[in-house]
Amino acid sequence: MKGMRGEMRIDEPMSRHTSWRTGGVARRYYIPADLRDLSVFLQSLPVEEPVYMVGLGSNLLVRDGGLAGTVIAVHARLNDLRLVRMNRSGGLVYAGAGVACAKVARFAAMHHLAGAEFLAGIPGTTGGALAMNAGCYGCETWEVVEKVQVINHGGALFERLPGAYVIDYRSVQRKAAVDDALKAEWFTGGYFKLQPGEESVSRQKIRQLLTLRVKSQPLDKPNAGSVFRNPPGDHAARLIEVCGLKGTYIGGAMISTKHANFIVNMGSATAADIEALIMMAQEKVKKETGVALIQEVRIIGEAGSNA
């Protein structure tokens, strides 16, 4: 395409780009060269074109029928990571949407800044963390956000303050109504306001978080992290476990025996297998406990022909 420096792939298998390692193809899959190239590319798209921004694909299930629109892969592309300012009260770190959250945690520690250690436990990119207010071990992304940079369907860049959003548990919504495709926008980076700290202390916290994650989560099998949000005052994993669903299989997918809020691909799972397990867990937990589990993972695309 004229004026664009990135790479376009046609019918790209999304199983290569999601942590569940399953799913259909993306009709168009674009890897931008950088932020400027992303802007040029978005300007070239029809207004009605569905666009999906994807980082590490760690919170995403693509149905077996694939995606008719365009996927834009930002991981390691929107990769600017820099110290914007530093003074006695702390510092400001900018991280592009394609920077892995764990890398932001280590960068902050290296610059003697505290408050970003929890990001090491989030298996995604900055863009995804901003989009869903990702968090773990009692901390959430937007607690340390000073402002964000976004890009719209027309390729225009803006900066927005947290006050422009309704920010909740695993949920971030623009306050202004999104009425048409041109008003759709995606995070291209975030500015994180952090407190002064000691590098050794922060690195120790990061090691502790990672050790806890390895002990408590089934990281040896493809998964997408927590499938459901925790209900107020409770844990989705506990509810799923008391309903006797640990170890339940559908096809090649299984509700983890290590952590019941994880669904793992045992090697041959289809997206339909995983989605069926998600629905089964929701239905049984609702029936037996009265609690409606809300998905934390994002499900997109069309069902396969055999679904």
C-alpha atoms as a PDB file:
ATOM      1  CA  MET A   1       0.000   0.000   0.000  1.00  0.00           C
ATOM      2  CA  LYS A   2       1.287   3.426  -0.951  1.00  0.00           C
ATOM      3  CA  GLY A   3       3.012   5.361   1.821  1.00  0.00           C
ATOM      4  CA  MET A   4       2.958   2.469   4.281  1.00  0.00           C
ATOM      5  CA  ARG A   5       6.093   0.823   5.631  1.00  0.00           C
ATOM      6  CA  GLY A   6       4.622  -2.040   7.629  1.00  0.00           C
ATOM      7  CA  GLU A   7       3.846  -5.636   6.696  1.00  0.00           C
ATOM      8  CA  MET A   8       0.448  -6.844   5.497  1.00  0.00           C
ATOM      9  CA  ARG A   9      -0.493 -10.518   5.763  1.00  0.00           C
ATOM     10  CA  ILE A  10      -3.624 -12.081   4.286  1.00  0.00           C
ATOM     11  CA  ASP A  11      -5.521 -14.904   6.047  1.00  0.00           C
ATOM     12  CA  GLU A  12      -3.111 -14.943   8.967  1.00  0.00           C
ATOM     13  CA  PRO A  13      -3.798 -17.711  11.553  1.00  0.00           C
ATOM     14  CA  MET A  14      -4.603 -16.017  14.853  1.00  0.00           C
ATOM     15  CA  SER A  15      -3.554 -19.183  16.668  1.00  0.00           C
ATOM     16  CA  ARG A  16      -0.013 -17.840  16.184  1.00  0.00           C
ATOM     17  CA  HIS A  17      -0.845 -14.603  17.959  1.00  0.00           C
ATOM     18  CA  THR A  18      -3.043 -15.544  20.933  1.00  0.00           C
ATOM     19  CA  SER A  19      -1.868 -17.134  24.163  1.00  0.00           C
ATOM     20  CA  TRP A  20      -4.561 -19.830  23.888  1.00  0.00           C
ATOM     21  CA  ARG A  21      -2.874 -20.933  20.633  1.00  0.00           C
ATOM     22  CA  THR A  22      -6.140 -21.506  18.840  1.00  0.00           C
ATOM     23  CA  GLY A  23      -8.657 -19.645  16.663  1.00  0.00           C
ATOM     24  CA  GLY A  24      -9.386 -18.796  13.038  1.00  0.00           C
ATOM     25  CA  VAL A  25      -7.646 -16.530  10.547  1.00  0.00           C
ATOM     26  CA  ALA A  26      -7.610 -12.756  10.259  1.00  0.00           C
ATOM     27  CA  ARG A  27      -8.538 -11.693   6.735  1.00  0.00           C
ATOM     28  CA  ARG A  28      -6.016  -8.848   6.998  1.00  0.00           C
ATOM     29  CA  TYR A  29      -3.212  -8.679   9.552  1.00  0.00           C
ATOM     30  CA  TYR A  30      -1.049  -5.554   9.568  1.00  0.00           C
ATOM     31  CA  ILE A  31       2.227  -5.060  11.437  1.00  0.00           C
ATOM     32  CA  PRO A  32       2.953  -1.309  11.505  1.00  0.00           C
ATOM     33  CA  ALA A  33       6.535  -0.094  11.302  1.00  0.00           C
ATOM     34  CA  ASP A  34       5.907   2.495  14.037  1.00  0.00           C
ATOM     35  CA  LEU A  35       3.305   4.928  15.335  1.00  0.00           C
ATOM     36  CA  ARG A  36       3.517   7.214  12.293  1.00  0.00           C
ATOM     37  CA  ASP A  37       3.027   4.248   9.981  1.00  0.00           C
ATOM     38  CA  LEU A  38       0.026   3.110  12.041  1.00  0.00           C
ATOM     39  CA  SER A  39      -1.548   6.533  11.564  1.00  0.00           C
ATOM     40  CA  VAL A  40      -1.033   6.409   7.784  1.00  0.00           C
ATOM     41  CA  PHE A  41      -2.445   2.884   7.633  1.00  0.00           C
ATOM     42  CA  LEU A  42      -5.600   3.767   9.599  1.00  0.00           C
ATOM     43  CA  GLN A  43      -6.209   6.713   7.260  1.00  0.00           C
ATOM     44  CA  SER A  44      -6.218   4.264   4.352  1.00  0.00           C
ATOM     45  CA  LEU A  45      -8.988   2.084   5.772  1.00  0.00           C
ATOM     46  CA  PRO A  46     -12.678   2.510   4.954  1.00  0.00           C
ATOM     47  CA  VAL A  47     -14.639   4.062   7.813  1.00  0.00           C
ATOM     48  CA  GLU A  48     -16.747   0.921   8.148  1.00  0.00           C
ATOM     49  CA  GLU A  49     -13.743  -1.444   8.382  1.00  0.00           C
ATOM     50  CA  PRO A  50     -13.688  -3.372  11.704  1.00  0.00           C
ATOM     51  CA  VAL A  51     -10.298  -2.919  13.386  1.00  0.00           C
ATOM     52  CA  TYR A  52      -8.810  -5.034  16.173  1.00  0.00           C
ATOM     53  CA  MET A  53      -5.667  -3.906  17.993  1.00  0.00           C
ATOM     54  CA  VAL A  54      -3.772  -6.891  19.377  1.00  0.00           C
ATOM     55  CA  GLY A  55      -0.715  -7.045  21.612  1.00  0.00           C
ATOM     56  CA  LEU A  56       0.372 -10.400  23.016  1.00  0.00           C
ATOM     57  CA  GLY A  57      -3.128 -11.848  22.583  1.00  0.00           C
ATOM     58  CA  SER A  58      -3.114 -12.889  26.224  1.00  0.00           C
ATOM     59  CA  ASN A  59      -6.715 -11.936  26.978  1.00  0.00           C
ATOM     60  CA  LEU A  60      -8.254 -12.862  23.651  1.00  0.00           C
ATOM     61  CA  LEU A  61     -10.231 -15.717  22.083  1.00  0.00           C
ATOM     62  CA  VAL A  62     -10.687 -15.584  18.312  1.00  0.00           C
ATOM     63  CA  ARG A  63     -13.531 -17.819  17.176  1.00  0.00           C
ATOM     64  CA  ASP A  64     -12.750 -20.583  14.676  1.00  0.00           C
ATOM     65  CA  GLY A  65     -14.480 -18.785  11.797  1.00  0.00           C
ATOM     66  CA  GLY A  66     -11.937 -15.983  12.042  1.00  0.00           C
ATOM     67  CA  LEU A  67     -12.129 -12.228  11.601  1.00  0.00           C
ATOM     68  CA  ALA A  68     -13.475 -10.413   8.554  1.00  0.00           C
ATOM     69  CA  GLY A  69     -11.858  -7.099   9.489  1.00  0.00           C
ATOM     70  CA  THR A  70      -8.279  -5.972  10.022  1.00  0.00           C
ATOM     71  CA  VAL A  71      -6.053  -6.965  12.920  1.00  0.00           C
ATOM     72  CA  ILE A  72      -3.254  -4.537  13.792  1.00  0.00           C
ATOM     73  CA  ALA A  73      -0.387  -6.112  15.725  1.00  0.00           C
ATOM     74  CA  VAL A  74       1.305  -3.592  18.016  1.00  0.00           C
ATOM     75  CA  HIS A  75       3.519  -5.828  20.161  1.00  0.00           C
ATOM     76  CA  ALA A  76       7.166  -4.772  19.833  1.00  0.00           C
ATOM     77  CA  ARG A  77       6.100  -2.091  17.301  1.00  0.00           C
ATOM     78  CA  LEU A  78       4.646   0.646  19.480  1.00  0.00           C
ATOM     79  CA  ASN A  79       7.630  -0.012  21.726  1.00  0.00           C
ATOM     80  CA  ASP A  80       8.723   3.404  22.967  1.00  0.00           C
ATOM     81  CA  LEU A  81       9.740   3.172  26.641  1.00  0.00           C
ATOM     82  CA  ARG A  82      11.311   6.204  28.242  1.00  0.00           C
ATOM     83  CA  LEU A  83      11.681   8.240  31.410  1.00  0.00           C
ATOM     84  CA  VAL A  84       9.817  11.495  30.798  1.00  0.00           C
ATOM     85  CA  ARG A  85      10.699  13.247  34.034  1.00  0.00           C
ATOM     86  CA  MET A  86      12.345  12.563  37.366  1.00  0.00           C
ATOM     87  CA  ASN A  87      12.369  14.646  40.548  1.00  0.00           C
ATOM     88  CA  ARG A  88      12.187  14.265  44.317  1.00  0.00           C
ATOM     89  CA  SER A  89       8.488  13.422  44.267  1.00  0.00           C
ATOM     90  CA  GLY A  90       8.948  10.588  41.778  1.00  0.00           C
ATOM     91  CA  GLY A  91       8.954  10.112  38.046  1.00  0.00           C
ATOM     92  CA  LEU A  92       6.875   9.754  34.911  1.00  0.00           C
ATOM     93  CA  VAL A  93       7.414   6.811  32.566  1.00  0.00           C
ATOM     94  CA  TYR A  94       5.967   6.609  29.057  1.00  0.00           C
ATOM     95  CA  ALA A  95       5.312   3.131  27.649  1.00  0.00           C
ATOM     96  CA  GLY A  96       3.966   2.447  24.177  1.00  0.00           C
ATOM     97  CA  ALA A  97       1.006   0.107  23.737  1.00  0.00           C
ATOM     98  CA  GLY A  98       3.225  -2.645  22.376  1.00  0.00           C
ATOM     99  CA  VAL A  99       5.589  -2.783  25.364  1.00  0.00           C
ATOM    100  CA  ALA A 100       5.176  -5.882  27.546  1.00  0.00           C
ATOM    101  CA  CYS A 101       3.937  -4.981  31.029  1.00  0.00           C
ATOM    102  CA  ALA A 102       6.783  -6.916  32.650  1.00  0.00           C
ATOM    103  CA  LYS A 103       9.282  -4.759  30.778  1.00  0.00           C
ATOM    104  CA  VAL A 104       7.662  -1.603  32.197  1.00  0.00           C
ATOM    105  CA  ALA A 105       8.004  -3.021  35.716  1.00  0.00           C
ATOM    106  CA  ARG A 106      11.709  -3.739  35.235  1.00  0.00           C
ATOM    107  CA  PHE A 107      12.340  -0.347  33.580  1.00  0.00           C
ATOM    108  CA  ALA A 108      10.722   1.494  36.490  1.00  0.00           C
ATOM    109  CA  ALA A 109      12.750  -0.473  39.032  1.00  0.00           C
ATOM    110  CA  MET A 110      15.964   0.267  37.145  1.00  0.00           C
ATOM    111  CA  HIS A 111      15.193   3.989  37.447  1.00  0.00           C
ATOM    112  CA  HIS A 112      14.516   3.732  41.198  1.00  0.00           C
ATOM    113  CA  LEU A 113      10.762   4.145  40.833  1.00  0.00           C
ATOM    114  CA  ALA A 114       8.157   2.195  42.827  1.00  0.00           C
ATOM    115  CA  GLY A 115       4.527   1.343  42.152  1.00  0.00           C
ATOM    116  CA  ALA A 116       4.839  -0.515  38.854  1.00  0.00           C
ATOM    117  CA  GLU A 117       6.049  -3.847  40.274  1.00  0.00           C
ATOM    118  CA  PHE A 118       2.616  -5.473  39.909  1.00  0.00           C
ATOM    119  CA  LEU A 119       2.825  -5.044  36.129  1.00  0.00           C
ATOM    120  CA  ALA A 120       5.334  -7.917  36.104  1.00  0.00           C
ATOM    121  CA  GLY A 121       2.428 -10.244  36.907  1.00  0.00           C
ATOM    122  CA  ILE A 122       0.339  -9.151  33.914  1.00  0.00           C
ATOM    123  CA  PRO A 123       1.089 -11.336  30.862  1.00  0.00           C
ATOM    124  CA  GLY A 124       0.184  -8.704  28.290  1.00  0.00           C
ATOM    125  CA  THR A 125       1.139  -5.349  26.813  1.00  0.00           C
ATOM    126  CA  THR A 126       0.615  -1.805  28.049  1.00  0.00           C
ATOM    127  CA  GLY A 127      -2.175  -1.254  25.520  1.00  0.00           C
ATOM    128  CA  GLY A 128      -4.140  -4.222  26.778  1.00  0.00           C
ATOM    129  CA  ALA A 129      -3.550  -3.281  30.406  1.00  0.00           C
ATOM    130  CA  LEU A 130      -4.909   0.219  29.745  1.00  0.00           C
ATOM    131  CA  ALA A 131      -7.904  -1.081  27.787  1.00  0.00           C
ATOM    132  CA  MET A 132      -9.122  -3.373  30.579  1.00  0.00           C
ATOM    133  CA  ASN A 133      -7.587  -1.801  33.689  1.00  0.00           C
ATOM    134  CA  ALA A 134      -5.583  -4.972  34.183  1.00  0.00           C
ATOM    135  CA  GLY A 135      -4.335  -5.730  37.632  1.00  0.00           C
ATOM    136  CA  CYS A 136      -3.092  -8.355  40.053  1.00  0.00           C
ATOM    137  CA  TYR A 137      -2.262  -8.802  43.712  1.00  0.00           C
ATOM    138  CA  GLY A 138      -4.303  -5.794  44.803  1.00  0.00           C
ATOM    139  CA  CYS A 139      -3.065  -3.229  42.265  1.00  0.00           C
ATOM    140  CA  GLU A 140      -4.644  -1.921  39.047  1.00  0.00           C
ATOM    141  CA  THR A 141      -3.166  -0.204  35.983  1.00  0.00           C
ATOM    142  CA  TRP A 142      -5.118   3.041  36.120  1.00  0.00           C
ATOM    143  CA  GLU A 143      -4.050   3.690  39.718  1.00  0.00           C
ATOM    144  CA  VAL A 144      -0.700   4.850  38.313  1.00  0.00           C
ATOM    145  CA  VAL A 145      -1.842   6.475  35.037  1.00  0.00           C
ATOM    146  CA  GLU A 146      -1.332  10.228  34.664  1.00  0.00           C
ATOM    147  CA  LYS A 147      -2.567  10.400  31.065  1.00  0.00           C
ATOM    148  CA  VAL A 148      -2.833   8.278  27.918  1.00  0.00           C
ATOM    149  CA  GLN A 149      -2.230   8.667  24.211  1.00  0.00           C
ATOM    150  CA  VAL A 150      -4.882   7.337  21.816  1.00  0.00           C
ATOM    151  CA  ILE A 151      -5.380   7.061  18.073  1.00  0.00           C
ATOM    152  CA  ASN A 152      -8.718   7.050  16.261  1.00  0.00           C
ATOM    153  CA  HIS A 153      -9.983   5.303  13.132  1.00  0.00           C
ATOM    154  CA  GLY A 154      -8.917   8.317  11.079  1.00  0.00           C
ATOM    155  CA  GLY A 155      -5.305   8.080  12.298  1.00  0.00           C
ATOM    156  CA  ALA A 156      -5.425  11.196  14.519  1.00  0.00           C
ATOM    157  CA  LEU A 157      -3.540  11.146  17.835  1.00  0.00           C
ATOM    158  CA  PHE A 158      -4.845  12.612  21.100  1.00  0.00           C
ATOM    159  CA  GLU A 159      -3.858  12.733  24.741  1.00  0.00           C
ATOM    160  CA  ARG A 160      -6.545  12.107  27.344  1.00  0.00           C
ATOM    161  CA  LEU A 161      -6.641  12.367  31.143  1.00  0.00           C
ATOM    162  CA  PRO A 162      -8.173   9.665  33.361  1.00  0.00           C
ATOM    163  CA  GLY A 163     -11.186  11.921  33.862  1.00  0.00           C
ATOM    164  CA  ALA A 164     -12.214  11.198  30.267  1.00  0.00           C
ATOM    165  CA  TYR A 165     -12.994   7.601  31.245  1.00  0.00           C
ATOM    166  CA  VAL A 166     -15.237   5.625  33.532  1.00  0.00           C
ATOM    167  CA  ILE A 167     -12.669   3.341  35.172  1.00  0.00           C
ATOM    168  CA  ASP A 168     -13.783   0.279  37.077  1.00  0.00           C
ATOM    169  CA  TYR A 169     -12.638  -3.224  37.922  1.00  0.00           C
ATOM    170  CA  ARG A 170     -11.352  -4.706  34.625  1.00  0.00           C
ATOM    171  CA  SER A 171     -13.330  -2.086  32.724  1.00  0.00           C
ATOM    172  CA  VAL A 172     -12.456   1.202  31.006  1.00  0.00           C
ATOM    173  CA  GLN A 173     -15.052   3.147  28.987  1.00  0.00           C
ATOM    174  CA  ARG A 174     -14.951   6.565  27.322  1.00  0.00           C
ATOM    175  CA  LYS A 175     -17.423   8.947  28.933  1.00  0.00           C
ATOM    176  CA  ALA A 176     -18.321  10.427  25.549  1.00  0.00           C
ATOM    177  CA  ALA A 177     -20.655   8.265  23.478  1.00  0.00           C
ATOM    178  CA  VAL A 178     -19.037   6.412  20.582  1.00  0.00           C
ATOM    179  CA  ASP A 179     -21.593   6.780  17.796  1.00  0.00           C
ATOM    180  CA  ASP A 180     -19.615   5.940  14.688  1.00  0.00           C
ATOM    181  CA  ALA A 181     -16.439   4.302  13.462  1.00  0.00           C
ATOM    182  CA  LEU A 182     -14.424   7.542  13.368  1.00  0.00           C
ATOM    183  CA  LYS A 183     -15.005   7.974  17.101  1.00  0.00           C
ATOM    184  CA  ALA A 184     -13.567   4.536  17.843  1.00  0.00           C
ATOM    185  CA  GLU A 185     -10.099   4.822  19.292  1.00  0.00           C
ATOM    186  CA  TRP A 186      -7.327   2.701  20.743  1.00  0.00           C
ATOM    187  CA  PHE A 187      -4.585   3.277  23.295  1.00  0.00           C
ATOM    188  CA  THR A 188      -1.159   3.803  21.780  1.00  0.00           C
ATOM    189  CA  GLY A 189       0.633   4.453  25.069  1.00  0.00           C
ATOM    190  CA  GLY A 190       0.386   5.522  28.676  1.00  0.00           C
ATOM    191  CA  TYR A 191       2.185   7.870  31.057  1.00  0.00           C
ATOM    192  CA  PHE A 192       2.727   6.221  34.441  1.00  0.00           C
ATOM    193  CA  LYS A 193       3.251   8.392  37.519  1.00  0.00           C
ATOM    194  CA  LEU A 194       5.419   6.516  40.030  1.00  0.00           C
ATOM    195  CA  GLN A 195       6.873   7.138  43.466  1.00  0.00           C
ATOM    196  CA  PRO A 196      10.568   7.200  44.436  1.00  0.00           C
ATOM    197  CA  GLY A 197      11.864   3.764  45.329  1.00  0.00           C
ATOM    198  CA  GLU A 198      14.861   1.500  45.699  1.00  0.00           C
ATOM    199  CA  GLU A 199      15.812  -0.715  42.772  1.00  0.00           C
ATOM    200  CA  SER A 200      16.706  -3.684  44.986  1.00  0.00           C
ATOM    201  CA  VAL A 201      13.379  -3.495  46.844  1.00  0.00           C
ATOM    202  CA  SER A 202      11.367  -3.262  43.615  1.00  0.00           C
ATOM    203  CA  ARG A 203      13.248  -6.154  42.011  1.00  0.00           C
ATOM    204  CA  GLN A 204      12.617  -8.287  45.095  1.00  0.00           C
ATOM    205  CA  LYS A 205       8.869  -7.522  44.863  1.00  0.00           C
ATOM    206  CA  ILE A 206       8.902  -8.461  41.183  1.00  0.00           C
ATOM    207  CA  ARG A 207      10.617 -11.779  41.952  1.00  0.00           C
ATOM    208  CA  GLN A 208       8.070 -12.527  44.660  1.00  0.00           C
ATOM    209  CA  LEU A 209       5.165 -11.791  42.325  1.00  0.00           C
ATOM    210  CA  LEU A 210       6.577 -14.013  39.611  1.00  0.00           C
ATOM    211  CA  THR A 211       7.223 -16.844  42.065  1.00  0.00           C
ATOM    212  CA  LEU A 212       3.645 -16.629  43.343  1.00  0.00           C
ATOM    213  CA  ARG A 213       2.355 -16.623  39.760  1.00  0.00           C
ATOM    214  CA  VAL A 214       4.303 -19.767  38.867  1.00  0.00           C
ATOM    215  CA  LYS A 215       3.035 -21.549  41.995  1.00  0.00           C
ATOM    216  CA  SER A 216      -0.622 -20.625  41.563  1.00  0.00           C
ATOM    217  CA  GLN A 217      -1.220 -20.579  37.794  1.00  0.00           C
ATOM    218  CA  PRO A 218      -1.043 -23.297  35.091  1.00  0.00           C
ATOM    219  CA  LEU A 219       1.684 -21.619  33.066  1.00  0.00           C
ATOM    220  CA  ASP A 220       2.818 -24.898  31.500  1.00  0.00           C
ATOM    221  CA  LYS A 221      -0.223 -24.979  29.185  1.00  0.00           C
ATOM    222  CA  PRO A 222      -1.572 -22.330  26.748  1.00  0.00           C
ATOM    223  CA  ASN A 223      -4.067 -20.130  28.591  1.00  0.00           C
ATOM    224  CA  ALA A 224      -5.410 -16.584  28.612  1.00  0.00           C
ATOM    225  CA  GLY A 225      -5.092 -15.751  32.272  1.00  0.00           C
ATOM    226  CA  SER A 226      -8.188 -15.270  34.393  1.00  0.00           C
ATOM    227  CA  VAL A 227     -11.303 -16.096  32.381  1.00  0.00           C
ATOM    228  CA  PHE A 228     -13.777 -14.318  34.682  1.00  0.00           C
ATOM    229  CA  ARG A 229     -13.747 -11.208  36.816  1.00  0.00           C
ATOM    230  CA  ASN A 230     -13.880 -11.822  40.544  1.00  0.00           C
ATOM    231  CA  PRO A 231     -17.373 -11.046  41.895  1.00  0.00           C
ATOM    232  CA  PRO A 232     -17.493  -8.478  44.710  1.00  0.00           C
ATOM    233  CA  GLY A 233     -16.245 -10.067  47.909  1.00  0.00           C
ATOM    234  CA  ASP A 234     -15.544 -13.440  46.322  1.00  0.00           C
ATOM    235  CA  HIS A 235     -13.332 -15.245  43.811  1.00  0.00           C
ATOM    236  CA  ALA A 236     -14.451 -16.733  40.515  1.00  0.00           C
ATOM    237  CA  ALA A 237     -12.049 -19.653  41.023  1.00  0.00           C
ATOM    238  CA  ARG A 238     -13.687 -20.574  44.340  1.00  0.00           C
ATOM    239  CA  LEU A 239     -17.186 -20.523  42.832  1.00  0.00           C
ATOM    240  CA  ILE A 240     -16.134 -22.661  39.871  1.00  0.00           C
ATOM    241  CA  GLU A 241     -14.381 -25.116  42.176  1.00  0.00           C
ATOM    242  CA  VAL A 242     -17.315 -25.519  44.578  1.00  0.00           C
ATOM    243  CA  CYS A 243     -19.473 -26.335  41.571  1.00  0.00           C
ATOM    244  CA  GLY A 244     -17.191 -29.303  40.894  1.00  0.00           C
ATOM    245  CA  LEU A 245     -15.898 -28.027  37.552  1.00  0.00           C
ATOM    246  CA  LYS A 246     -12.146 -28.312  38.125  1.00  0.00           C
ATOM    247  CA  GLY A 247     -10.696 -30.698  35.545  1.00  0.00           C
ATOM    248  CA  THR A 248     -13.790 -30.589  33.312  1.00  0.00           C
ATOM    249  CA  TYR A 249     -13.007 -31.175  29.631  1.00  0.00           C
ATOM    250  CA  ILE A 250     -14.717 -30.163  26.417  1.00  0.00           C
ATOM    251  CA  GLY A 251     -12.746 -31.340  23.410  1.00  0.00           C
ATOM    252  CA  GLY A 252      -9.149 -30.261  23.878  1.00  0.00           C
ATOM    253  CA  ALA A 253      -9.910 -27.596  26.493  1.00  0.00           C
ATOM    254  CA  MET A 254      -9.946 -28.077  30.259  1.00  0.00           C
ATOM    255  CA  ILE A 255     -10.793 -26.048  33.339  1.00  0.00           C
ATOM    256  CA  SER A 256      -7.433 -26.098  35.093  1.00  0.00           C
ATOM    257  CA  THR A 257      -6.934 -28.385  38.075  1.00  0.00           C
ATOM    258  CA  LYS A 258      -4.378 -25.880  39.408  1.00  0.00           C
ATOM    259  CA  HIS A 259      -6.530 -22.737  39.216  1.00  0.00           C
ATOM    260  CA  ALA A 260     -10.236 -23.018  38.395  1.00  0.00           C
ATOM    261  CA  ASN A 261     -10.439 -19.544  36.818  1.00  0.00           C
ATOM    262  CA  PHE A 262      -8.075 -20.689  34.066  1.00  0.00           C
ATOM    263  CA  ILE A 263      -9.005 -22.684  30.988  1.00  0.00           C
ATOM    264  CA  VAL A 264      -6.055 -24.434  29.361  1.00  0.00           C
ATOM    265  CA  ASN A 265      -5.487 -25.765  25.871  1.00  0.00           C
ATOM    266  CA  MET A 266      -4.375 -29.372  26.335  1.00  0.00           C
ATOM    267  CA  GLY A 267      -3.002 -29.414  22.797  1.00  0.00           C
ATOM    268  CA  SER A 268      -5.929 -29.697  20.408  1.00  0.00           C
ATOM    269  CA  ALA A 269      -8.516 -27.228  21.717  1.00  0.00           C
ATOM    270  CA  THR A 270     -10.629 -25.256  19.284  1.00  0.00           C
ATOM    271  CA  ALA A 271     -11.969 -21.826  20.140  1.00  0.00           C
ATOM    272  CA  ALA A 272     -15.420 -23.453  20.228  1.00  0.00           C
ATOM    273  CA  ASP A 273     -14.219 -25.902  22.913  1.00  0.00           C
ATOM    274  CA  ILE A 274     -12.988 -23.028  25.069  1.00  0.00           C
ATOM    275  CA  GLU A 275     -16.107 -20.926  24.569  1.00  0.00           C
ATOM    276  CA  ALA A 276     -18.295 -23.897  25.444  1.00  0.00           C
ATOM    277  CA  LEU A 277     -16.396 -24.346  28.726  1.00  0.00           C
ATOM    278  CA  ILE A 278     -16.807 -20.647  29.485  1.00  0.00           C
ATOM    279  CA  MET A 279     -20.577 -20.919  28.960  1.00  0.00           C
ATOM    280  CA  MET A 280     -20.776 -24.126  31.004  1.00  0.00           C
ATOM    281  CA  ALA A 281     -19.006 -22.487  33.942  1.00  0.00           C
ATOM    282  CA  GLN A 282     -21.260 -19.434  33.787  1.00  0.00           C
ATOM    283  CA  GLU A 283     -24.438 -21.515  33.624  1.00  0.00           C
ATOM    284  CA  LYS A 284     -23.512 -23.903  36.441  1.00  0.00           C
ATOM    285  CA  VAL A 285     -22.219 -21.197  38.778  1.00  0.00           C
ATOM    286  CA  LYS A 286     -25.356 -19.125  38.172  1.00  0.00           C
ATOM    287  CA  LYS A 287     -27.618 -22.119  38.771  1.00  0.00           C
ATOM    288  CA  GLU A 288     -25.879 -23.380  41.916  1.00  0.00           C
ATOM    289  CA  THR A 289     -24.747 -20.129  43.582  1.00  0.00           C
ATOM    290  CA  GLY A 290     -26.858 -17.403  42.008  1.00  0.00           C
ATOM    291  CA  VAL A 291     -23.725 -15.485  40.962  1.00  0.00           C
ATOM    292  CA  ALA A 292     -23.437 -14.318  37.349  1.00  0.00           C
ATOM    293  CA  LEU A 293     -19.791 -14.594  36.325  1.00  0.00           C
ATOM    294  CA  ILE A 294     -18.636 -11.842  33.965  1.00  0.00           C
ATOM    295  CA  GLN A 295     -16.005 -12.671  31.339  1.00  0.00           C
ATOM    296  CA  GLU A 296     -12.648 -11.007  31.666  1.00  0.00           C
ATOM    297  CA  VAL A 297     -11.434 -12.447  28.356  1.00  0.00           C
ATOM    298  CA  ARG A 298     -12.521 -10.858  25.080  1.00  0.00           C
ATOM    299  CA  ILE A 299     -14.203 -13.101  22.487  1.00  0.00           C
ATOM    300  CA  ILE A 300     -14.257 -11.895  18.863  1.00  0.00           C
ATOM    301  CA  GLY A 301     -14.850 -13.269  15.378  1.00  0.00           C
ATOM    302  CA  GLU A 302     -17.267 -15.654  13.703  1.00  0.00           C
ATOM    303  CA  ALA A 303     -18.147 -19.180  14.768  1.00  0.00           C
ATOM    304  CA  GLY A 304     -16.628 -21.978  12.718  1.00  0.00           C
ATOM    305  CA  SER A 305     -18.685 -24.005  10.236  1.00  0.00           C
ATOM    306  CA  ASN A 306     -18.898 -26.930  12.660  1.00  0.00           C
ATOM    307  CA  ALA A 307     -19.926 -24.867  15.684  1.00  0.00           C
END
